[in-house]
Amino acid sequence: MTMRNKHSKQHKKQRPSPVSTVLEPLLTSAEVAKQLRCSVSLLNKLRTHGRGPRFVYVERRVRYRPCDVAEYVEAQLRNSTSADMPPA
C-alpha cells in the first residue's frame, strides 16, 4: 500500500462535525417583535412564561433562530376563533 492510499484511508475514518448544517443568522428580540408585529415587551413576557418562540442565550443575550420563529407562528394557526388555544 502506498503512503497516499494509507493516508486517504485514515482521512475517511475521521468523524463528521457534530454541526453538519449551516447555521442561520440569529435574530434579536427587536427583529422578532417587528416580524410578529408586537412589542419587545410582549415578546419578553411570552418568553418568561414559556409561551413565545424558542430562543437561545448567546453571551447572556437572547437570540432567536428564524426556524423557531416560523415554527411558533405555524403553531398559532387556527381555523376559527373558537378553536382550542395552544397549550400554555
N, C-alpha and C. Protein backbone atom coordinates (compact mmCIF):
# COMPACT_ATOMS: atom_id res chain seq x y z
N MET A 1 0.85 -1.18 0.00
CA MET A 1 0.00 0.00 0.00
C MET A 1 0.90 1.24 0.00
N THR A 2 0.58 2.15 -0.83
CA THR A 2 1.39 3.37 -0.91
C THR A 2 1.02 4.30 0.22
N MET A 3 1.88 5.25 0.46
CA MET A 3 1.62 6.24 1.51
C MET A 3 0.37 7.03 1.23
N ARG A 4 0.11 7.31 -0.02
CA ARG A 4 -1.07 8.10 -0.40
C ARG A 4 -2.35 7.33 -0.06
N ASN A 5 -2.42 6.05 -0.38
CA ASN A 5 -3.60 5.25 -0.08
C ASN A 5 -3.80 5.11 1.43
N LYS A 6 -2.71 4.90 2.14
CA LYS A 6 -2.79 4.77 3.59
C LYS A 6 -3.34 6.06 4.20
N HIS A 7 -2.85 7.20 3.73
CA HIS A 7 -3.30 8.49 4.26
C HIS A 7 -4.77 8.73 3.92
N SER A 8 -5.21 8.38 2.72
CA SER A 8 -6.60 8.63 2.34
C SER A 8 -7.54 7.74 3.14
N LYS A 9 -7.12 6.52 3.51
CA LYS A 9 -7.96 5.66 4.33
C LYS A 9 -8.09 6.24 5.74
N GLN A 10 -7.01 6.78 6.26
CA GLN A 10 -7.08 7.40 7.59
C GLN A 10 -8.00 8.60 7.56
N HIS A 11 -7.98 9.35 6.49
CA HIS A 11 -8.82 10.54 6.36
C HIS A 11 -10.30 10.16 6.39
N LYS A 12 -10.65 9.03 5.79
CA LYS A 12 -12.05 8.60 5.75
C LYS A 12 -12.57 8.21 7.13
N LYS A 13 -11.67 7.84 8.04
CA LYS A 13 -12.08 7.39 9.36
C LYS A 13 -12.44 8.54 10.29
N GLN A 14 -12.14 9.76 9.92
CA GLN A 14 -12.44 10.91 10.79
C GLN A 14 -13.95 11.07 10.92
N ARG A 15 -14.37 11.43 12.11
CA ARG A 15 -15.79 11.64 12.36
C ARG A 15 -16.26 12.96 11.76
N PRO A 16 -17.52 12.99 11.30
CA PRO A 16 -18.05 14.26 10.81
C PRO A 16 -18.28 15.24 11.95
N SER A 17 -18.31 16.49 11.63
CA SER A 17 -18.55 17.52 12.62
C SER A 17 -19.94 17.35 13.22
N PRO A 18 -20.12 17.59 14.55
CA PRO A 18 -21.45 17.44 15.15
C PRO A 18 -22.47 18.41 14.56
N VAL A 19 -22.02 19.56 14.10
CA VAL A 19 -22.93 20.51 13.47
C VAL A 19 -22.70 20.40 11.97
N SER A 20 -23.57 19.66 11.30
CA SER A 20 -23.35 19.39 9.89
C SER A 20 -24.12 20.35 8.99
N THR A 21 -24.92 21.22 9.57
CA THR A 21 -25.67 22.17 8.76
C THR A 21 -25.13 23.58 8.97
N VAL A 22 -25.41 24.43 8.04
CA VAL A 22 -25.01 25.83 8.14
C VAL A 22 -25.98 26.53 9.08
N LEU A 23 -25.45 27.29 10.01
CA LEU A 23 -26.30 28.00 10.96
C LEU A 23 -26.99 29.18 10.30
N GLU A 24 -28.24 29.37 10.68
CA GLU A 24 -28.98 30.55 10.22
C GLU A 24 -28.53 31.75 11.03
N PRO A 25 -28.61 32.95 10.46
CA PRO A 25 -28.30 34.14 11.27
C PRO A 25 -29.33 34.26 12.40
N LEU A 26 -28.85 34.54 13.59
CA LEU A 26 -29.75 34.67 14.73
C LEU A 26 -30.40 36.05 14.73
N LEU A 27 -31.63 36.10 15.23
CA LEU A 27 -32.40 37.34 15.27
C LEU A 27 -32.45 37.89 16.69
N THR A 28 -32.49 39.20 16.80
CA THR A 28 -32.64 39.85 18.10
C THR A 28 -34.11 39.90 18.48
N SER A 29 -34.38 40.25 19.72
CA SER A 29 -35.77 40.39 20.18
C SER A 29 -36.49 41.47 19.38
N ALA A 30 -35.80 42.56 19.08
CA ALA A 30 -36.42 43.65 18.31
C ALA A 30 -36.79 43.17 16.89
N GLU A 31 -35.93 42.38 16.28
CA GLU A 31 -36.21 41.89 14.93
C GLU A 31 -37.40 40.93 14.92
N VAL A 32 -37.47 40.06 15.93
CA VAL A 32 -38.58 39.11 16.01
C VAL A 32 -39.88 39.84 16.32
N ALA A 33 -39.83 40.81 17.24
CA ALA A 33 -41.03 41.59 17.56
C ALA A 33 -41.55 42.31 16.31
N LYS A 34 -40.65 42.82 15.51
CA LYS A 34 -41.06 43.50 14.29
C LYS A 34 -41.73 42.52 13.33
N GLN A 35 -41.17 41.32 13.20
CA GLN A 35 -41.77 40.31 12.33
C GLN A 35 -43.15 39.89 12.82
N LEU A 36 -43.30 39.76 14.13
CA LEU A 36 -44.57 39.32 14.71
C LEU A 36 -45.54 40.48 14.91
N ARG A 37 -45.06 41.69 14.64
CA ARG A 37 -45.87 42.90 14.81
C ARG A 37 -46.40 43.01 16.24
N CYS A 38 -45.48 42.84 17.18
CA CYS A 38 -45.81 43.02 18.59
C CYS A 38 -44.66 43.81 19.23
N SER A 39 -44.84 44.19 20.47
CA SER A 39 -43.79 44.93 21.15
C SER A 39 -42.72 43.98 21.69
N VAL A 40 -41.54 44.51 21.91
CA VAL A 40 -40.47 43.73 22.52
C VAL A 40 -40.91 43.32 23.93
N SER A 41 -41.63 44.19 24.60
CA SER A 41 -42.12 43.89 25.95
C SER A 41 -43.02 42.66 25.95
N LEU A 42 -43.94 42.56 24.99
CA LEU A 42 -44.81 41.39 24.91
C LEU A 42 -43.99 40.14 24.62
N LEU A 43 -43.05 40.24 23.71
CA LEU A 43 -42.20 39.10 23.38
C LEU A 43 -41.43 38.64 24.62
N ASN A 44 -40.93 39.59 25.42
CA ASN A 44 -40.22 39.24 26.66
C ASN A 44 -41.16 38.54 27.64
N LYS A 45 -42.39 39.01 27.76
CA LYS A 45 -43.36 38.38 28.66
C LYS A 45 -43.68 36.96 28.20
N LEU A 46 -43.89 36.78 26.90
CA LEU A 46 -44.15 35.45 26.37
C LEU A 46 -42.99 34.51 26.68
N ARG A 47 -41.77 35.01 26.51
CA ARG A 47 -40.58 34.19 26.76
C ARG A 47 -40.49 33.79 28.22
N THR A 48 -40.70 34.74 29.14
CA THR A 48 -40.56 34.42 30.56
C THR A 48 -41.65 33.46 31.04
N HIS A 49 -42.78 33.41 30.34
CA HIS A 49 -43.87 32.49 30.70
C HIS A 49 -43.81 31.21 29.87
N GLY A 50 -42.78 31.07 29.03
CA GLY A 50 -42.62 29.85 28.24
C GLY A 50 -43.61 29.70 27.12
N ARG A 51 -44.16 30.82 26.62
CA ARG A 51 -45.20 30.75 25.59
C ARG A 51 -44.77 31.30 24.25
N GLY A 52 -43.63 31.92 24.15
CA GLY A 52 -43.18 32.50 22.90
C GLY A 52 -42.34 31.52 22.09
N PRO A 53 -41.69 32.03 21.04
CA PRO A 53 -40.81 31.17 20.24
C PRO A 53 -39.63 30.67 21.07
N ARG A 54 -39.12 29.52 20.70
CA ARG A 54 -37.90 29.02 21.35
C ARG A 54 -36.79 30.01 21.12
N PHE A 55 -35.85 30.06 22.05
CA PHE A 55 -34.76 31.04 21.97
C PHE A 55 -33.47 30.41 22.45
N VAL A 56 -32.40 31.15 22.27
CA VAL A 56 -31.09 30.70 22.71
C VAL A 56 -30.38 31.87 23.38
N TYR A 57 -29.58 31.57 24.40
CA TYR A 57 -28.76 32.60 25.01
C TYR A 57 -27.39 32.58 24.33
N VAL A 58 -26.93 33.72 23.91
CA VAL A 58 -25.57 33.87 23.38
C VAL A 58 -24.92 34.96 24.20
N GLU A 59 -23.96 34.56 25.02
CA GLU A 59 -23.29 35.52 25.90
C GLU A 59 -24.30 36.36 26.70
N ARG A 60 -25.25 35.68 27.31
CA ARG A 60 -26.30 36.29 28.14
C ARG A 60 -27.23 37.21 27.36
N ARG A 61 -27.26 37.08 26.06
CA ARG A 61 -28.20 37.85 25.23
C ARG A 61 -29.17 36.88 24.59
N VAL A 62 -30.44 37.27 24.54
CA VAL A 62 -31.46 36.41 23.94
C VAL A 62 -31.42 36.57 22.43
N ARG A 63 -31.40 35.43 21.73
CA ARG A 63 -31.44 35.43 20.27
C ARG A 63 -32.42 34.35 19.83
N TYR A 64 -32.95 34.53 18.62
CA TYR A 64 -33.93 33.59 18.08
C TYR A 64 -33.46 33.05 16.74
N ARG A 65 -33.68 31.76 16.51
CA ARG A 65 -33.42 31.18 15.20
C ARG A 65 -34.65 31.41 14.33
N PRO A 66 -34.47 31.81 13.09
CA PRO A 66 -35.62 32.02 12.21
C PRO A 66 -36.53 30.80 12.11
N CYS A 67 -35.96 29.60 12.12
CA CYS A 67 -36.79 28.39 12.02
C CYS A 67 -37.68 28.24 13.25
N ASP A 68 -37.21 28.65 14.43
CA ASP A 68 -38.03 28.57 15.64
C ASP A 68 -39.16 29.60 15.63
N VAL A 69 -38.89 30.76 15.07
CA VAL A 69 -39.94 31.78 14.95
C VAL A 69 -41.01 31.28 13.99
N ALA A 70 -40.59 30.70 12.87
CA ALA A 70 -41.55 30.17 11.89
C ALA A 70 -42.37 29.03 12.50
N GLU A 71 -41.72 28.18 13.28
CA GLU A 71 -42.42 27.07 13.95
C GLU A 71 -43.45 27.61 14.94
N TYR A 72 -43.09 28.65 15.66
CA TYR A 72 -44.02 29.28 16.61
C TYR A 72 -45.24 29.83 15.88
N VAL A 73 -45.02 30.51 14.77
CA VAL A 73 -46.13 31.07 14.00
C VAL A 73 -47.03 29.94 13.49
N GLU A 74 -46.45 28.87 12.98
CA GLU A 74 -47.24 27.73 12.49
C GLU A 74 -48.10 27.14 13.61
N ALA A 75 -47.56 27.09 14.81
CA ALA A 75 -48.30 26.53 15.95
C ALA A 75 -49.48 27.41 16.36
N GLN A 76 -49.47 28.68 15.93
CA GLN A 76 -50.55 29.60 16.28
C GLN A 76 -51.73 29.54 15.30
N LEU A 77 -51.58 28.81 14.21
CA LEU A 77 -52.63 28.76 13.19
C LEU A 77 -53.92 28.17 13.75
N ARG A 78 -55.04 28.79 13.42
CA ARG A 78 -56.36 28.34 13.85
C ARG A 78 -57.32 28.47 12.67
N ASN A 79 -58.39 27.66 12.68
CA ASN A 79 -59.42 27.74 11.64
C ASN A 79 -60.59 28.60 12.06
N SER A 80 -60.73 28.83 13.35
CA SER A 80 -61.81 29.69 13.84
C SER A 80 -61.41 30.30 15.18
N THR A 81 -62.14 31.30 15.59
CA THR A 81 -61.83 31.93 16.88
C THR A 81 -62.23 31.05 18.05
N SER A 82 -63.06 30.04 17.80
CA SER A 82 -63.45 29.12 18.88
C SER A 82 -62.55 27.89 18.96
N ALA A 83 -61.53 27.82 18.09
CA ALA A 83 -60.60 26.69 18.12
C ALA A 83 -59.80 26.71 19.42
N ASP A 84 -59.36 25.55 19.84
CA ASP A 84 -58.57 25.46 21.07
C ASP A 84 -57.32 26.30 20.97
N MET A 85 -56.97 26.92 22.07
CA MET A 85 -55.73 27.69 22.14
C MET A 85 -54.57 26.73 22.32
N PRO A 86 -53.38 27.14 21.91
CA PRO A 86 -52.22 26.28 22.11
C PRO A 86 -51.94 26.12 23.60
N PRO A 87 -51.30 25.02 23.99
CA PRO A 87 -51.00 24.84 25.41
C PRO A 87 -50.08 25.93 25.93
N ALA A 88 -50.33 26.37 27.16
CA ALA A 88 -49.53 27.46 27.75
C ALA A 88 -48.22 26.98 28.26
